[in-house]
N, C-alpha and C. Protein backbone atom coordinates (compact mmCIF):
# COMPACT_ATOMS: atom_id res chain seq x y z
N UNK A 1 33.78 63.05 47.05
CA UNK A 1 33.29 62.43 48.28
C UNK A 1 34.36 61.48 48.80
N UNK A 2 34.40 61.34 50.09
CA UNK A 2 35.42 60.56 50.76
C UNK A 2 34.74 59.46 51.57
N UNK A 3 35.21 58.22 51.41
CA UNK A 3 34.56 57.08 52.08
C UNK A 3 34.61 57.22 53.60
N UNK A 4 35.69 57.78 54.14
CA UNK A 4 35.78 57.93 55.60
C UNK A 4 34.73 58.92 56.12
N UNK A 5 34.51 60.01 55.38
CA UNK A 5 33.48 60.98 55.77
C UNK A 5 32.09 60.34 55.70
N UNK A 6 31.87 59.56 54.66
CA UNK A 6 30.57 58.89 54.51
C UNK A 6 30.35 57.91 55.65
N UNK A 7 31.36 57.10 55.96
CA UNK A 7 31.25 56.14 57.07
C UNK A 7 30.95 56.85 58.38
N UNK A 8 31.67 57.93 58.63
CA UNK A 8 31.48 58.68 59.88
C UNK A 8 30.04 59.19 59.98
N UNK A 9 29.52 59.74 58.89
CA UNK A 9 28.14 60.23 58.89
C UNK A 9 27.15 59.10 59.15
N UNK A 10 27.38 57.95 58.53
CA UNK A 10 26.49 56.80 58.73
C UNK A 10 26.56 56.34 60.18
N UNK A 11 27.77 56.20 60.73
CA UNK A 11 27.93 55.75 62.11
C UNK A 11 27.27 56.69 63.11
N UNK A 12 27.28 57.98 62.79
CA UNK A 12 26.69 58.98 63.69
C UNK A 12 25.19 59.16 63.46
N UNK A 13 24.66 58.43 62.48
CA UNK A 13 23.24 58.55 62.18
C UNK A 13 22.91 59.85 61.47
N UNK A 14 23.91 60.46 60.88
CA UNK A 14 23.74 61.74 60.20
C UNK A 14 23.49 61.51 58.71
N UNK A 15 22.35 60.90 58.42
CA UNK A 15 21.99 60.62 57.03
C UNK A 15 20.49 60.59 56.88
N UNK A 16 20.07 60.75 55.64
CA UNK A 16 18.66 60.72 55.28
C UNK A 16 18.51 59.79 54.09
N UNK A 17 17.43 59.03 54.06
CA UNK A 17 17.17 58.16 52.91
C UNK A 17 16.19 58.89 52.00
N UNK A 18 16.49 58.91 50.72
CA UNK A 18 15.64 59.57 49.74
C UNK A 18 14.22 59.03 49.83
N UNK A 19 13.27 59.92 50.04
CA UNK A 19 11.87 59.53 50.18
C UNK A 19 11.38 58.76 48.96
N UNK A 20 11.85 59.15 47.78
CA UNK A 20 11.36 58.50 46.56
C UNK A 20 11.83 57.06 46.44
N UNK A 21 12.84 56.67 47.21
CA UNK A 21 13.37 55.32 47.08
C UNK A 21 13.07 54.41 48.28
N UNK A 22 12.41 54.90 49.30
CA UNK A 22 12.16 54.05 50.47
C UNK A 22 11.31 52.83 50.12
N UNK A 23 10.33 53.00 49.26
CA UNK A 23 9.49 51.86 48.85
C UNK A 23 10.30 50.87 48.02
N UNK A 24 11.17 51.37 47.15
CA UNK A 24 12.02 50.47 46.36
C UNK A 24 12.92 49.65 47.27
N UNK A 25 13.48 50.27 48.29
CA UNK A 25 14.34 49.54 49.22
C UNK A 25 13.56 48.44 49.92
N UNK A 26 12.34 48.74 50.31
CA UNK A 26 11.50 47.72 50.97
C UNK A 26 11.25 46.55 50.03
N UNK A 27 10.92 46.85 48.77
CA UNK A 27 10.66 45.77 47.80
C UNK A 27 11.93 44.96 47.52
N UNK A 28 13.05 45.61 47.57
CA UNK A 28 14.33 44.92 47.32
C UNK A 28 14.83 44.17 48.56
N UNK A 29 14.11 44.30 49.66
CA UNK A 29 14.47 43.66 50.93
C UNK A 29 15.84 44.14 51.42
N UNK A 30 16.04 45.44 51.29
CA UNK A 30 17.26 46.05 51.78
C UNK A 30 16.90 46.93 52.97
N UNK A 31 17.27 46.46 54.14
CA UNK A 31 16.96 47.17 55.37
C UNK A 31 18.07 48.17 55.69
N UNK A 32 17.77 49.08 56.57
CA UNK A 32 18.72 50.09 56.98
C UNK A 32 20.02 49.47 57.48
N UNK A 33 19.92 48.41 58.26
CA UNK A 33 21.12 47.75 58.79
C UNK A 33 22.01 47.23 57.67
N UNK A 34 21.41 46.78 56.57
CA UNK A 34 22.17 46.27 55.42
C UNK A 34 22.95 47.42 54.78
N UNK A 35 22.30 48.57 54.63
CA UNK A 35 22.97 49.74 54.06
C UNK A 35 24.13 50.17 54.95
N UNK A 36 23.88 50.26 56.24
CA UNK A 36 24.93 50.65 57.18
C UNK A 36 26.10 49.68 57.14
N UNK A 37 25.81 48.39 57.08
CA UNK A 37 26.85 47.37 57.02
C UNK A 37 27.66 47.48 55.73
N UNK A 38 26.98 47.66 54.62
CA UNK A 38 27.67 47.76 53.32
C UNK A 38 28.58 48.98 53.28
N UNK A 39 28.12 50.10 53.78
CA UNK A 39 28.95 51.31 53.78
C UNK A 39 30.13 51.15 54.73
N UNK A 40 29.93 50.49 55.86
CA UNK A 40 31.00 50.36 56.86
C UNK A 40 32.20 49.60 56.34
N UNK A 41 32.00 48.69 55.38
CA UNK A 41 33.13 47.94 54.85
C UNK A 41 33.33 48.19 53.35
N UNK A 42 32.60 49.16 52.82
CA UNK A 42 32.60 49.38 51.38
C UNK A 42 33.70 50.28 50.87
N UNK A 43 33.69 50.42 49.56
CA UNK A 43 34.62 51.31 48.88
C UNK A 43 33.88 52.03 47.77
N UNK A 44 34.32 53.23 47.47
CA UNK A 44 33.73 53.99 46.37
C UNK A 44 34.24 53.40 45.07
N UNK A 45 33.31 53.00 44.19
CA UNK A 45 33.72 52.41 42.91
C UNK A 45 33.41 53.32 41.72
N UNK A 46 32.54 54.28 41.91
CA UNK A 46 32.26 55.27 40.87
C UNK A 46 31.93 56.60 41.55
N UNK A 47 32.37 57.69 40.92
CA UNK A 47 32.04 59.03 41.40
C UNK A 47 31.23 59.75 40.34
N UNK A 48 30.26 60.52 40.80
CA UNK A 48 29.40 61.27 39.90
C UNK A 48 29.44 62.76 40.29
N UNK A 49 30.54 63.45 39.95
CA UNK A 49 30.66 64.85 40.36
C UNK A 49 29.64 65.78 39.72
N UNK A 50 29.09 65.39 38.58
CA UNK A 50 28.15 66.24 37.86
C UNK A 50 26.69 65.81 38.03
N UNK A 51 26.42 64.98 39.02
CA UNK A 51 25.04 64.54 39.28
C UNK A 51 24.17 65.78 39.53
N UNK A 52 23.01 65.88 38.85
CA UNK A 52 22.14 67.05 39.04
C UNK A 52 21.68 67.24 40.49
N UNK A 53 21.68 66.16 41.28
CA UNK A 53 21.28 66.27 42.69
C UNK A 53 22.42 66.78 43.55
N UNK A 54 23.60 66.90 42.96
CA UNK A 54 24.82 67.27 43.68
C UNK A 54 25.79 66.11 43.58
N UNK A 55 27.07 66.34 43.86
CA UNK A 55 28.06 65.28 43.75
C UNK A 55 27.63 64.04 44.54
N UNK A 56 27.80 62.89 43.92
CA UNK A 56 27.42 61.63 44.57
C UNK A 56 28.41 60.55 44.17
N UNK A 57 28.22 59.38 44.74
CA UNK A 57 29.11 58.26 44.42
C UNK A 57 28.38 56.94 44.60
N UNK A 58 28.98 55.90 44.04
CA UNK A 58 28.48 54.53 44.16
C UNK A 58 29.45 53.76 45.03
N UNK A 59 28.94 53.16 46.09
CA UNK A 59 29.74 52.38 47.02
C UNK A 59 29.39 50.91 46.86
N UNK A 60 30.42 50.07 46.83
CA UNK A 60 30.23 48.62 46.87
C UNK A 60 30.63 48.15 48.25
N UNK A 61 29.71 47.45 48.91
CA UNK A 61 30.00 46.85 50.21
C UNK A 61 29.34 45.49 50.28
N UNK A 62 29.65 44.76 51.34
CA UNK A 62 29.12 43.41 51.50
C UNK A 62 28.50 43.26 52.88
N UNK A 63 27.47 42.43 52.96
CA UNK A 63 26.89 42.08 54.25
C UNK A 63 27.76 41.00 54.88
N UNK A 64 27.47 40.65 56.13
CA UNK A 64 28.25 39.59 56.78
C UNK A 64 28.01 38.23 56.14
N UNK A 65 26.98 38.11 55.31
CA UNK A 65 26.75 36.86 54.56
C UNK A 65 27.31 36.95 53.15
N UNK A 66 28.14 37.98 52.90
CA UNK A 66 28.82 38.19 51.61
C UNK A 66 27.88 38.63 50.49
N UNK A 67 26.72 39.13 50.83
CA UNK A 67 25.79 39.67 49.83
C UNK A 67 26.32 41.02 49.35
N UNK A 68 26.56 41.18 48.04
CA UNK A 68 27.04 42.47 47.55
C UNK A 68 25.90 43.49 47.52
N UNK A 69 26.21 44.70 47.93
CA UNK A 69 25.23 45.78 47.94
C UNK A 69 25.87 47.03 47.35
N UNK A 70 25.17 47.66 46.44
CA UNK A 70 25.58 48.96 45.91
C UNK A 70 24.74 50.03 46.61
N UNK A 71 25.40 51.08 47.06
CA UNK A 71 24.72 52.20 47.71
C UNK A 71 25.13 53.48 46.98
N UNK A 72 24.15 54.24 46.52
CA UNK A 72 24.42 55.53 45.90
C UNK A 72 24.12 56.60 46.94
N UNK A 73 25.09 57.46 47.19
CA UNK A 73 24.86 58.51 48.19
C UNK A 73 25.51 59.82 47.77
N UNK A 74 25.03 60.88 48.37
CA UNK A 74 25.54 62.22 48.12
C UNK A 74 25.49 63.03 49.40
N UNK A 75 25.99 64.24 49.34
CA UNK A 75 25.96 65.14 50.50
C UNK A 75 24.66 65.91 50.52
N UNK A 76 24.05 65.99 51.69
CA UNK A 76 22.87 66.83 51.88
C UNK A 76 23.27 68.16 52.49
N UNK A 77 24.39 68.17 53.12
CA UNK A 77 24.90 69.36 53.79
C UNK A 77 26.16 68.96 54.51
N UNK A 78 26.68 69.87 55.27
CA UNK A 78 27.91 69.58 55.99
C UNK A 78 27.69 68.38 56.93
N UNK A 79 28.50 67.35 56.75
CA UNK A 79 28.47 66.15 57.59
C UNK A 79 27.12 65.44 57.58
N UNK A 80 26.35 65.60 56.53
CA UNK A 80 25.07 64.88 56.42
C UNK A 80 24.99 64.24 55.04
N UNK A 81 24.66 62.96 55.01
CA UNK A 81 24.66 62.17 53.79
C UNK A 81 23.22 61.88 53.36
N UNK A 82 23.00 61.89 52.05
CA UNK A 82 21.73 61.46 51.48
C UNK A 82 21.95 60.09 50.85
N UNK A 83 21.23 59.09 51.34
CA UNK A 83 21.23 57.77 50.70
C UNK A 83 20.21 57.87 49.58
N UNK A 84 20.69 57.86 48.35
CA UNK A 84 19.81 58.03 47.19
C UNK A 84 19.11 56.73 46.87
N UNK A 85 19.86 55.64 46.85
CA UNK A 85 19.27 54.32 46.64
C UNK A 85 20.29 53.25 47.03
N UNK A 86 19.82 52.03 47.12
CA UNK A 86 20.68 50.87 47.37
C UNK A 86 20.05 49.69 46.67
N UNK A 87 20.90 48.80 46.18
CA UNK A 87 20.40 47.64 45.45
C UNK A 87 21.45 46.55 45.42
N UNK A 88 21.01 45.34 45.13
CA UNK A 88 21.93 44.24 44.92
C UNK A 88 22.30 44.25 43.44
N UNK A 89 23.60 44.36 43.12
CA UNK A 89 23.99 44.45 41.71
C UNK A 89 23.57 43.21 40.92
N UNK A 90 23.21 43.44 39.67
CA UNK A 90 22.72 42.40 38.78
C UNK A 90 23.88 41.79 37.99
N UNK A 91 23.96 40.46 37.98
CA UNK A 91 25.03 39.77 37.24
C UNK A 91 25.00 40.07 35.75
N UNK A 92 23.84 40.47 35.24
CA UNK A 92 23.72 40.82 33.82
C UNK A 92 24.45 42.14 33.52
N UNK A 93 24.55 43.01 34.51
CA UNK A 93 25.12 44.34 34.31
C UNK A 93 26.53 44.51 34.86
N UNK A 94 26.91 43.66 35.81
CA UNK A 94 28.18 43.83 36.51
C UNK A 94 29.06 42.59 36.38
N UNK A 95 30.37 42.83 36.29
CA UNK A 95 31.35 41.74 36.28
C UNK A 95 31.34 41.08 37.66
N UNK A 96 32.02 39.94 37.77
CA UNK A 96 31.99 39.17 39.02
C UNK A 96 32.64 39.89 40.19
N UNK A 97 33.43 40.94 39.93
CA UNK A 97 34.01 41.71 41.03
C UNK A 97 33.01 42.71 41.62
N UNK A 98 31.86 42.87 40.99
CA UNK A 98 30.78 43.78 41.36
C UNK A 98 31.19 45.25 41.27
N UNK A 99 32.42 45.51 40.77
CA UNK A 99 32.93 46.88 40.66
C UNK A 99 32.88 47.40 39.23
N UNK A 100 32.88 46.49 38.28
CA UNK A 100 33.03 46.86 36.88
C UNK A 100 31.75 46.58 36.11
N UNK A 101 31.26 47.60 35.43
CA UNK A 101 30.08 47.41 34.58
C UNK A 101 30.48 46.58 33.37
N UNK A 102 29.65 45.65 32.99
CA UNK A 102 29.94 44.84 31.80
C UNK A 102 29.98 45.73 30.58
N UNK A 103 30.97 45.48 29.74
CA UNK A 103 31.11 46.25 28.52
C UNK A 103 31.83 47.57 28.69
N UNK A 104 32.18 47.91 29.92
CA UNK A 104 32.88 49.18 30.16
C UNK A 104 34.37 48.96 29.96
N UNK A 105 34.97 49.79 29.15
CA UNK A 105 36.41 49.68 28.89
C UNK A 105 37.18 50.20 30.09
N UNK A 106 38.22 49.47 30.45
CA UNK A 106 39.08 49.87 31.56
C UNK A 106 40.18 50.79 31.05
N UNK A 107 40.57 51.79 31.84
CA UNK A 107 41.63 52.72 31.42
C UNK A 107 42.97 52.04 31.33
């Protein structure tokens, strides 16, 4: 997956949010505008080429108030993105850069 392709799909409104996660997003207080903002300035920090749902990735982006947001997305089809989930990373699980999982060895 390519961040520029993902951004373009988001900007064009060519995306779908996973039905199973819409309620979770509401509880997490993550609105659509927050997801769009995070992807627009984000970077891919993990790739999941073998995801059973199809190739996907984890994007780290920030809101204009510097709130870190992780967005997991994959391809639904040509030029169409599936937003699988989004969440605010937990300090218990992530290093202060929000890119590195705690306890994960670096190459």
